[in-house]
Structures are given as C-alpha cells and as structure tokens.
Amino acid sequence: MPGAAAVAKGAGAASDRTPPSGSGPGESRPASGTRRGGPRPTRLRALDGLRLVAALMVALYHYGGREGDVTTAWGSSPAHQFPVLHEWFAYGPLGVQIFFVISGFVICMSAWGRSLSAFFASRASRLMPAYWCAVVLITVVFALPGVVYKTVSASDALLNLTLLQMPAGGERVIGVDWTLWAEIRFYALFAVCVVLPGVTRRRVVLFGAIWTLGAVVADAAHSALLDQVLMSHYAPFFVGGMGLYLVHRNHRDALGWGLAAVGFLLGQHYAVADLWHPTSHFGYRHTLVIIAIVALGFAAVAAVALDRLRWAHWRWLTTAGALTYPFYLIHEHLGWIVIGGLHRTLGLPAAATLPVTLLVMLVLAWILHRVVERPLTPRLRARLAGAAAGVRRPVRPEAG
C-alpha cells in the first residue's frame, strides 16, 4: 500500500544519496563497492509490481474470501459464489504483511539523507491527497439514495480526514485504514529514533533490534498501551524490510540479514496466530500455507534487495505501483457497489463479475492518481517543506 539533507554514513555501509521520491518505493542508487556487475536501473520497479500483487491479494479476500457486507453485494455468501477459490482468497489478508515488509524497505530507503522536516513532508504528501479524496468519495457515494450501505455520521466523516479516527474512537469510512494507522505509528517511531538524530546504518540496526525486543516484551506483558505503540504483531515485518534495505546497500551486511531473518521468524509466528482457524470454512486451515505466503513475501523483497529482479524494469510496473495506493483505499467499499450492480442487477456470473470489478477499481484508481495524486502530491510536499524552512529561518528585526 505503500515512502527522506545531509548524507549520514552508516558503519560498514557506503554513503550513497537516495534521491527523494513521493510515490511509494523511491529512487535508489547503488552504494559504491557493494555490488558487482553493470549499472542497474535507478528505480526499483519490481517493488512497484510486488505492491500491486499485495493489493490484489487483499482485494480478492474482500471480494471472495470473507463474509460481512460483501454478502449483500453478491446476494449470498462468497463461499457459495466461489466454492473452491474462496478458501484460497481467504489468505489474502497476508498481502498486508507483505505491504509492511515493503514499507520497512522503502521508508528506510527514502529517509536516508533526509532531514526530519523533509521526511514528514514526503510522507504526508504521499498519504493524504488520495486518502482525503477516498474518504469524501466513499462518504458521498454511500449517502446516495438507493445505496444499501450506511454512511458514517458527519462528525465521524470529518474525523476520518485526520487519519486519527481509530485512536479517537470514531467510526471508519475506509475499512482498510487500520493499516494506515499502523504505518503512521511506524513513521513516528522511525522518525524519532532514526531520522531525527540522522539516519545511519548503526542507528537503523539498533532501532530494529530494540523495537523487535520491545514488541515481544509488550506482547508477553499483554499491555494494551505498549502494543498500541510497538505493534507487537506487525513490528517484525517492518523491521524485516528495514534489514533487507541494509542488505540492498551492502549484500554482505550480516546484521541486515539478521534483522530480516528474525523479522521473518517472528512474523510468520504472529501471522499464524492471527489467521489460523482450523474450524473455519473460509480457509486458514493450513498453517503451512500461511508460512509459505509470508516466506514468499520476504523472499520477493530479498530478491529485489539482491538485485535479482533488476531485469523487471518495465515501465508499466511504475504505473502499477502508482495505482496501488488509490486502489487499496477504494476497492473494498466501492467494489461492493460494482459487484451488486454487475451480479445482482445485470445478472453477470460471479466468475465474470470478479475480474470486471477489479478492472473497474483499477481504472478508478488510475483516475484518482492522475486527477488527485499527480497534481496535489508535489504541491503539498513543496508547501510543507517550505513551511518547515520558514520555521527554521530566523526572523529579521524590522528597521526603524
């Protein structure tokens, strides 16, 4: 789902500057002396494609791998609509864990060489324009006559614009925004502990190790407060992605590999604990499938880190990556309406309704990207960066 001005040298890592990026996986240049072979692409487009795969996994879960409001759209349980596939669609939530691994990689990459204000401007401008538009769009559509889904109150709709509706106890407009709340907490921890003092390899390793230990302790202590801050079940995925970025900078970075390995080992444990329900008719019955999907997610990001996927440098992957975030925001709730219109109103078979709905949501995501993200993201980033520069600039006394 989804990526900060002096360059700080990490112990044992070369000092390459990573150009800023406002769209997910940022630009990256190789750290001198850490890789062999010819020049590689400057943008990690394989990560863009992996992000879209993760988003499609989540969408398949929402459309065919769970109960809830989507049963109204289909007119019956997705288990009835997809007698075989629904058990596989049920593993789709693991796309979120893959997102978190990618996020750890990308945030570490995009923060390298950035000041705290630049990091904040980059993250806020990346998240908020599409998010604000999605909140307004879904709220308005759900309020239309004839739409069977209930919209939130005006107060909660306004609260959602802050992205703080979960800790504030408000009703959510976008079901998947719980993952954005997790991302915000990760950004805050990373900003305070790593970006503020200056990003170096040593600080990334220390932060990853302490966060991992603290998250495990918080889980063992059953502390709701500590878990809110440290995100026990999700920290290993962010930390694993951070470790893989260190590997990307230096393929022989043993501590980077260590963070990635511990992240996987802990992450698969928490994924199994969260998803495994042996009596459920909606999948989750095979722990090995959960472990395998988590392993494949880590392996795919590791392949990017090791430049094994640099051949996947097709331009359409950049477009795919750009569509991922708006698609992720709108696909669930607006997808219910499309499914209901195609399947129940027009009588389109479920096997055709599913891919057509995905296509419609991708087209709508492309429109949001072109109309909202492309013009507003750079403007918001420039305004925020300018405001931060204005705060730092000393005020001259007036003459006279």
Protein backbone atom coordinates (compact mmCIF):
# COMPACT_ATOMS: atom_id res chain seq x y z
CA MET A 1 0.00 0.00 0.00
CA PRO A 2 2.61 1.92 0.08
CA GLY A 3 7.79 6.26 1.13
CA ALA A 4 13.71 11.31 3.23
CA ALA A 5 19.54 16.56 3.95
CA ALA A 6 22.96 15.71 4.67
CA VAL A 7 24.01 12.17 3.94
CA ALA A 8 24.87 10.22 7.08
CA LYS A 9 27.36 7.39 6.85
CA GLY A 10 26.42 4.14 8.49
CA ALA A 11 29.14 1.95 9.93
CA GLY A 12 30.14 -0.55 7.30
CA ALA A 13 27.89 0.97 4.61
CA ALA A 14 28.82 3.26 1.76
CA SER A 15 27.41 6.77 1.75
CA ASP A 16 25.11 6.92 -1.25
CA ARG A 17 22.43 9.57 -1.54
CA THR A 18 18.96 8.25 -2.25
CA PRO A 19 17.03 10.76 -4.34
CA PRO A 20 13.72 11.77 -2.76
CA SER A 21 10.58 10.17 -4.07
CA GLY A 22 6.97 10.98 -3.38
CA SER A 23 5.43 7.84 -4.77
CA GLY A 24 5.94 4.67 -2.81
CA PRO A 25 9.26 2.99 -3.49
CA GLY A 26 11.66 5.83 -4.09
CA GLU A 27 14.59 6.18 -6.39
CA SER A 28 17.74 4.34 -5.35
CA ARG A 29 21.37 4.47 -6.40
CA PRO A 30 23.82 1.68 -5.68
CA ALA A 31 26.19 2.04 -2.78
CA SER A 32 29.65 2.06 -4.34
CA GLY A 33 31.68 -1.04 -3.74
CA THR A 34 28.78 -3.23 -2.63
CA ARG A 35 27.62 -4.76 -5.90
CA ARG A 36 29.17 -6.40 -8.87
CA GLY A 37 28.15 -6.21 -12.49
CA GLY A 38 26.98 -3.42 -14.75
CA PRO A 39 24.77 -0.47 -13.92
CA ARG A 40 21.31 -1.28 -12.66
CA PRO A 41 18.03 0.62 -13.03
CA THR A 42 17.69 3.61 -10.72
CA ARG A 43 14.08 2.81 -9.79
CA LEU A 44 13.17 -0.48 -8.15
CA ARG A 45 10.21 -1.19 -10.38
CA ALA A 46 9.93 -4.78 -9.19
CA LEU A 47 8.82 -3.37 -5.82
CA ASP A 48 6.05 -1.48 -7.61
CA GLY A 49 4.79 -4.70 -9.12
CA LEU A 50 5.02 -6.51 -5.79
CA ARG A 51 2.95 -3.79 -4.14
CA LEU A 52 0.17 -4.28 -6.70
CA VAL A 53 0.25 -8.05 -6.17
CA ALA A 54 -0.19 -7.50 -2.44
CA ALA A 55 -3.09 -5.10 -3.04
CA LEU A 56 -4.80 -7.60 -5.34
CA MET A 57 -4.42 -10.29 -2.68
CA VAL A 58 -6.28 -8.07 -0.21
CA ALA A 59 -8.95 -7.27 -2.80
CA LEU A 60 -9.60 -10.95 -3.55
CA TYR A 61 -10.04 -11.52 0.17
CA HIS A 62 -12.54 -8.68 0.44
CA TYR A 63 -14.50 -9.83 -2.61
CA GLY A 64 -14.45 -13.59 -2.21
CA GLY A 65 -12.66 -14.73 0.92
CA ARG A 66 -14.79 -13.40 3.77
CA GLU A 67 -18.32 -12.83 4.97
CA GLY A 68 -19.73 -9.44 6.00
CA ASP A 69 -21.13 -6.67 3.82
CA VAL A 70 -19.85 -8.27 0.62
CA THR A 71 -22.52 -10.98 1.03
CA THR A 72 -25.12 -8.26 0.40
CA ALA A 73 -23.36 -7.36 -2.82
CA TRP A 74 -23.28 -10.97 -4.04
CA GLY A 75 -26.71 -11.83 -2.67
CA SER A 76 -25.20 -14.84 -0.89
CA SER A 77 -22.02 -15.96 0.79
CA PRO A 78 -18.83 -15.76 -1.31
CA ALA A 79 -18.33 -19.39 -0.28
CA HIS A 80 -21.37 -20.16 -2.43
CA GLN A 81 -20.19 -17.98 -5.31
CA PHE A 82 -16.65 -19.43 -5.30
CA PRO A 83 -16.90 -22.97 -3.90
CA VAL A 84 -13.20 -23.74 -4.44
CA LEU A 85 -11.44 -20.40 -4.73
CA HIS A 86 -12.92 -18.82 -1.61
CA GLU A 87 -10.62 -20.90 0.61
CA TRP A 88 -7.60 -19.53 -1.24
CA PHE A 89 -8.96 -15.98 -1.34
CA ALA A 90 -9.18 -16.20 2.46
CA TYR A 91 -5.38 -16.00 2.68
CA GLY A 92 -5.48 -12.56 1.02
CA PRO A 93 -5.01 -10.59 4.28
CA LEU A 94 -1.37 -11.70 4.20
CA GLY A 95 -0.93 -9.11 1.47
CA VAL A 96 -0.92 -6.58 4.32
CA GLN A 97 2.08 -8.26 5.93
CA ILE A 98 3.86 -8.10 2.58
CA PHE A 99 2.99 -4.40 2.41
CA PHE A 100 4.62 -3.89 5.80
CA VAL A 101 7.85 -5.60 4.67
CA ILE A 102 7.93 -3.37 1.58
CA SER A 103 7.20 -0.34 3.75
CA GLY A 104 10.14 -1.09 6.06
CA PHE A 105 12.39 -1.31 2.99
CA VAL A 106 11.06 1.80 1.27
CA ILE A 107 10.84 4.07 4.31
CA CYS A 108 14.41 3.23 5.28
CA MET A 109 15.49 3.94 1.70
CA SER A 110 13.57 7.19 1.30
CA ALA A 111 14.65 8.54 4.71
CA TRP A 112 18.38 8.14 4.03
CA GLY A 113 19.95 11.57 3.79
CA ARG A 114 16.74 13.44 4.62
CA SER A 115 16.02 15.83 7.43
CA LEU A 116 13.07 15.26 9.75
CA SER A 117 11.05 18.01 8.05
CA ALA A 118 11.74 16.58 4.60
CA PHE A 119 10.77 13.12 5.80
CA PHE A 120 7.50 14.45 7.23
CA ALA A 121 6.72 16.40 4.05
CA SER A 122 7.38 13.32 1.93
CA ARG A 123 5.17 11.01 3.98
CA ALA A 124 2.28 13.44 4.48
CA SER A 125 2.16 14.44 0.82
CA ARG A 126 2.26 10.80 -0.22
CA LEU A 127 -0.55 9.62 2.05
CA MET A 128 -3.03 12.41 2.40
CA PRO A 129 -4.29 13.66 -1.03
CA ALA A 130 -5.58 10.28 -2.22
CA TYR A 131 -6.79 9.44 1.27
CA TRP A 132 -8.79 12.66 1.63
CA CYS A 133 -10.35 12.11 -1.78
CA ALA A 134 -11.24 8.48 -0.96
CA VAL A 135 -12.89 9.48 2.34
CA VAL A 136 -15.03 12.11 0.62
CA LEU A 137 -15.87 9.87 -2.33
CA ILE A 138 -16.95 6.87 -0.26
CA THR A 139 -18.91 9.03 2.18
CA VAL A 140 -20.80 10.75 -0.64
CA VAL A 141 -21.48 7.54 -2.58
CA PHE A 142 -22.77 5.72 0.50
CA ALA A 143 -25.09 8.66 1.23
CA LEU A 144 -26.76 8.45 -2.21
CA PRO A 145 -30.38 7.26 -2.40
CA GLY A 146 -30.66 3.58 -3.22
CA VAL A 147 -27.26 2.63 -1.83
CA VAL A 148 -27.88 -0.03 0.81
CA TYR A 149 -24.69 0.61 2.75
CA LYS A 150 -24.79 3.05 5.65
CA THR A 151 -22.59 6.11 5.61
CA VAL A 152 -20.93 7.39 8.78
CA SER A 153 -22.09 10.45 10.68
CA ALA A 154 -20.93 13.89 9.55
CA SER A 155 -18.79 14.18 12.68
CA ASP A 156 -17.05 10.85 12.06
CA ALA A 157 -16.56 11.69 8.37
CA LEU A 158 -14.74 14.87 9.37
CA LEU A 159 -12.74 12.97 11.99
CA ASN A 160 -11.62 10.49 9.33
CA LEU A 161 -9.88 13.31 7.46
CA THR A 162 -7.28 13.39 10.24
CA LEU A 163 -6.40 9.68 9.89
CA LEU A 164 -6.69 9.50 13.67
CA GLN A 165 -10.20 8.04 13.82
CA MET A 166 -9.06 4.73 15.30
CA PRO A 167 -7.33 6.06 18.43
CA ALA A 168 -10.07 8.70 18.75
CA GLY A 169 -12.77 6.00 18.73
CA GLY A 170 -14.60 7.19 15.60
CA GLU A 171 -16.32 5.05 13.01
CA ARG A 172 -14.13 4.39 9.98
CA VAL A 173 -15.07 5.38 6.45
CA ILE A 174 -12.45 3.11 4.86
CA GLY A 175 -12.17 -0.39 6.26
CA VAL A 176 -8.51 -0.86 5.37
CA ASP A 177 -7.39 2.36 7.04
CA TRP A 178 -6.33 0.38 10.12
CA THR A 179 -3.20 -0.43 8.14
CA LEU A 180 -2.56 3.29 7.62
CA TRP A 181 -2.75 3.76 11.39
CA ALA A 182 -0.07 1.09 11.70
CA GLU A 183 2.02 2.87 9.05
CA ILE A 184 1.72 6.20 10.86
CA ARG A 185 2.97 4.66 14.09
CA PHE A 186 5.90 3.13 12.22
CA TYR A 187 6.72 6.51 10.65
CA ALA A 188 6.59 8.19 14.06
CA LEU A 189 8.87 5.63 15.70
CA PHE A 190 11.32 5.70 12.80
CA ALA A 191 11.29 9.50 12.65
CA VAL A 192 12.01 10.00 16.35
CA CYS A 193 14.54 7.21 16.77
CA VAL A 194 16.36 7.28 13.42
CA VAL A 195 15.58 10.31 11.25
CA LEU A 196 15.77 12.97 13.97
CA PRO A 197 19.34 12.10 15.07
CA GLY A 198 20.34 11.35 11.45
CA VAL A 199 19.94 8.09 9.52
CA THR A 200 22.94 5.78 9.72
CA ARG A 201 23.32 2.04 9.41
CA ARG A 202 24.19 1.79 13.10
CA ARG A 203 21.00 3.61 14.14
CA VAL A 204 18.83 1.52 11.83
CA VAL A 205 20.26 -1.70 13.26
CA LEU A 206 19.93 -0.50 16.85
CA PHE A 207 16.38 0.72 16.30
CA GLY A 208 15.35 -2.54 14.62
CA ALA A 209 16.84 -4.67 17.39
CA ILE A 210 15.35 -2.65 20.25
CA TRP A 211 11.95 -2.40 18.57
CA THR A 212 11.86 -6.15 17.99
CA LEU A 213 12.73 -6.91 21.60
CA GLY A 214 10.28 -4.30 22.91
CA ALA A 215 7.47 -5.63 20.72
CA VAL A 216 7.96 -9.18 22.01
CA VAL A 217 8.03 -7.96 25.61
CA ALA A 218 4.86 -5.90 25.03
CA ASP A 219 3.11 -8.97 23.64
CA ALA A 220 4.23 -11.13 26.56
CA ALA A 221 3.13 -8.46 29.06
CA HIS A 222 -0.32 -8.22 27.47
CA SER A 223 -0.03 -4.44 27.68
CA ALA A 224 -2.59 -2.65 25.52
CA LEU A 225 -0.68 0.61 25.75
CA LEU A 226 2.68 -0.89 24.78
CA ASP A 227 1.07 -2.86 21.99
CA GLN A 228 -0.52 0.31 20.60
CA VAL A 229 2.91 1.94 20.46
CA LEU A 230 5.09 -1.02 19.49
CA MET A 231 2.63 -3.04 17.35
CA SER A 232 3.80 -6.45 18.53
CA HIS A 233 2.33 -8.50 15.67
CA TYR A 234 3.42 -6.13 12.89
CA ALA A 235 6.81 -4.84 14.05
CA PRO A 236 8.68 -7.92 12.71
CA PHE A 237 7.54 -7.18 9.16
CA PHE A 238 8.63 -3.53 9.24
CA VAL A 239 11.94 -4.50 10.87
CA GLY A 240 12.48 -7.28 8.34
CA GLY A 241 12.00 -4.80 5.49
CA MET A 242 14.47 -2.40 7.11
CA GLY A 243 17.01 -5.20 7.35
CA LEU A 244 16.54 -6.05 3.69
CA TYR A 245 17.20 -2.45 2.74
CA LEU A 246 20.53 -2.66 4.57
CA VAL A 247 21.19 -5.79 2.52
CA HIS A 248 20.32 -3.79 -0.60
CA ARG A 249 23.03 -1.28 0.34
CA ASN A 250 25.55 -4.00 1.13
CA HIS A 251 24.74 -7.57 0.15
CA ARG A 252 27.11 -8.90 2.82
CA ASP A 253 25.61 -6.93 5.69
CA ALA A 254 25.29 -9.66 8.33
CA LEU A 255 23.26 -7.51 10.71
CA GLY A 256 20.86 -6.59 7.92
CA TRP A 257 20.37 -10.28 7.18
CA GLY A 258 19.90 -10.87 10.89
CA LEU A 259 17.09 -8.31 11.15
CA ALA A 260 15.42 -9.83 8.09
CA ALA A 261 15.71 -13.38 9.44
CA VAL A 262 14.36 -12.53 12.88
CA GLY A 263 11.61 -10.49 11.24
CA PHE A 264 10.53 -13.49 9.19
CA LEU A 265 10.72 -15.98 12.06
CA LEU A 266 8.67 -13.78 14.38
CA GLY A 267 6.39 -12.53 11.62
CA GLN A 268 5.28 -15.97 10.47
CA HIS A 269 4.53 -16.88 14.09
CA TYR A 270 2.27 -13.88 14.57
CA ALA A 271 0.64 -14.37 11.16
CA VAL A 272 -0.26 -17.95 12.05
CA ALA A 273 -1.51 -16.86 15.49
CA ASP A 274 -3.72 -14.17 13.93
CA LEU A 275 -5.13 -16.14 11.00
CA TRP A 276 -5.18 -19.84 11.79
CA HIS A 277 -8.74 -21.02 12.47
CA PRO A 278 -8.87 -24.78 11.85
CA THR A 279 -12.68 -24.97 12.05
CA SER A 280 -13.35 -22.11 9.64
CA HIS A 281 -14.86 -22.90 6.25
CA PHE A 282 -13.10 -19.75 4.96
CA GLY A 283 -9.60 -21.18 4.71
CA TYR A 284 -6.88 -20.58 7.29
CA ARG A 285 -6.87 -24.32 7.93
CA HIS A 286 -3.33 -24.90 6.76
CA THR A 287 -0.57 -23.26 8.76
CA LEU A 288 1.99 -24.23 6.12
CA VAL A 289 0.14 -22.11 3.56
CA ILE A 290 0.33 -19.07 5.85
CA ILE A 291 4.04 -19.65 6.48
CA ALA A 292 4.69 -20.17 2.77
CA ILE A 293 2.97 -16.92 1.76
CA VAL A 294 4.89 -14.92 4.38
CA ALA A 295 8.12 -16.60 3.24
CA LEU A 296 7.40 -15.76 -0.40
CA GLY A 297 6.79 -12.13 0.54
CA PHE A 298 10.12 -11.88 2.35
CA ALA A 299 11.85 -13.77 -0.47
CA ALA A 300 10.45 -11.43 -3.12
CA VAL A 301 11.69 -8.32 -1.28
CA ALA A 302 15.03 -10.07 -0.66
CA ALA A 303 15.31 -10.73 -4.40
CA VAL A 304 14.83 -7.00 -5.01
CA ALA A 305 17.42 -6.22 -2.33
CA LEU A 306 19.93 -8.52 -4.02
CA ASP A 307 19.21 -7.06 -7.47
CA ARG A 308 17.92 -10.41 -8.68
CA LEU A 309 14.87 -8.72 -10.18
CA ARG A 310 16.55 -5.79 -11.87
CA TRP A 311 15.54 -7.34 -15.21
CA ALA A 312 11.92 -6.48 -14.27
CA HIS A 313 12.30 -2.86 -15.30
CA TRP A 314 9.23 -2.46 -17.49
CA ARG A 315 7.69 0.99 -17.42
CA TRP A 316 4.20 -0.35 -16.82
CA LEU A 317 5.35 -1.52 -13.39
CA THR A 318 5.75 2.11 -12.37
CA THR A 319 2.13 2.70 -13.37
CA ALA A 320 1.12 -0.42 -11.45
CA GLY A 321 2.86 0.89 -8.36
CA ALA A 322 1.22 4.29 -8.76
CA LEU A 323 -2.25 2.68 -8.87
CA THR A 324 -1.69 0.56 -5.77
CA TYR A 325 -2.42 3.12 -3.06
CA PRO A 326 -5.63 4.64 -4.51
CA PHE A 327 -6.81 1.15 -5.48
CA TYR A 328 -6.17 -0.09 -1.96
CA LEU A 329 -8.17 2.78 -0.48
CA ILE A 330 -11.29 2.49 -2.62
CA HIS A 331 -11.51 -1.13 -3.73
CA GLU A 332 -13.46 -2.59 -0.80
CA HIS A 333 -16.44 -0.29 -0.29
CA LEU A 334 -16.89 0.91 -3.86
CA GLY A 335 -16.27 -2.64 -5.03
CA TRP A 336 -19.39 -3.78 -3.15
CA ILE A 337 -21.48 -1.41 -5.25
CA VAL A 338 -19.91 -2.56 -8.51
CA ILE A 339 -20.36 -6.23 -7.58
CA GLY A 340 -24.01 -5.67 -6.69
CA GLY A 341 -24.68 -3.80 -9.93
CA LEU A 342 -22.96 -6.34 -12.15
CA HIS A 343 -24.05 -9.54 -10.43
CA ARG A 344 -27.47 -8.91 -8.91
CA THR A 345 -28.77 -6.15 -11.22
CA LEU A 346 -27.27 -7.14 -14.56
CA GLY A 347 -27.05 -10.87 -13.84
CA LEU A 348 -23.36 -11.22 -14.73
CA PRO A 349 -21.95 -14.54 -13.44
CA ALA A 350 -19.67 -14.35 -10.40
CA ALA A 351 -16.73 -15.67 -12.43
CA ALA A 352 -17.02 -12.64 -14.73
CA THR A 353 -18.10 -10.13 -12.08
CA LEU A 354 -14.92 -10.59 -10.05
CA PRO A 355 -12.36 -9.67 -12.76
CA VAL A 356 -14.57 -6.90 -14.15
CA THR A 357 -14.88 -5.38 -10.67
CA LEU A 358 -11.11 -5.49 -10.24
CA LEU A 359 -10.69 -3.79 -13.62
CA VAL A 360 -13.22 -1.07 -12.77
CA MET A 361 -11.47 -0.37 -9.49
CA LEU A 362 -8.07 -0.18 -11.22
CA VAL A 363 -9.46 2.30 -13.76
CA LEU A 364 -10.94 4.42 -10.97
CA ALA A 365 -7.60 4.23 -9.13
CA TRP A 366 -5.84 5.45 -12.28
CA ILE A 367 -8.24 8.41 -12.46
CA LEU A 368 -7.58 9.29 -8.82
CA HIS A 369 -3.86 9.05 -9.41
CA ARG A 370 -3.96 11.34 -12.45
CA VAL A 371 -6.52 13.84 -11.17
CA VAL A 372 -5.63 13.94 -7.46
CA GLU A 373 -2.21 12.48 -6.65
CA ARG A 374 -0.13 13.75 -9.55
CA PRO A 375 -1.07 17.43 -9.20
CA LEU A 376 -1.54 17.61 -5.43
CA THR A 377 1.28 15.47 -4.04
CA PRO A 378 4.19 17.64 -5.26
CA ARG A 379 2.34 20.83 -4.33
CA LEU A 380 1.61 19.63 -0.81
CA ARG A 381 5.18 18.38 -0.38
CA ALA A 382 6.56 21.75 -1.53
CA ARG A 383 4.23 23.65 0.79
CA LEU A 384 5.12 21.50 3.79
CA ALA A 385 8.82 21.70 3.03
CA GLY A 386 8.55 25.46 2.59
CA ALA A 387 6.66 25.84 5.84
CA ALA A 388 9.35 23.86 7.68
CA ALA A 389 12.05 26.02 6.11
CA GLY A 390 10.17 29.13 7.21
CA VAL A 391 10.08 27.89 10.77
CA ARG A 392 13.84 27.32 10.76
CA ARG A 393 14.63 30.70 9.15
CA PRO A 394 15.43 33.36 11.77
CA VAL A 395 13.18 36.41 11.79
CA ARG A 396 14.94 39.66 10.95
CA PRO A 397 14.12 42.65 13.12
CA GLU A 398 12.33 45.43 11.32
CA ALA A 399 14.29 48.61 10.65
CA GLY A 400 13.41 51.82 12.41
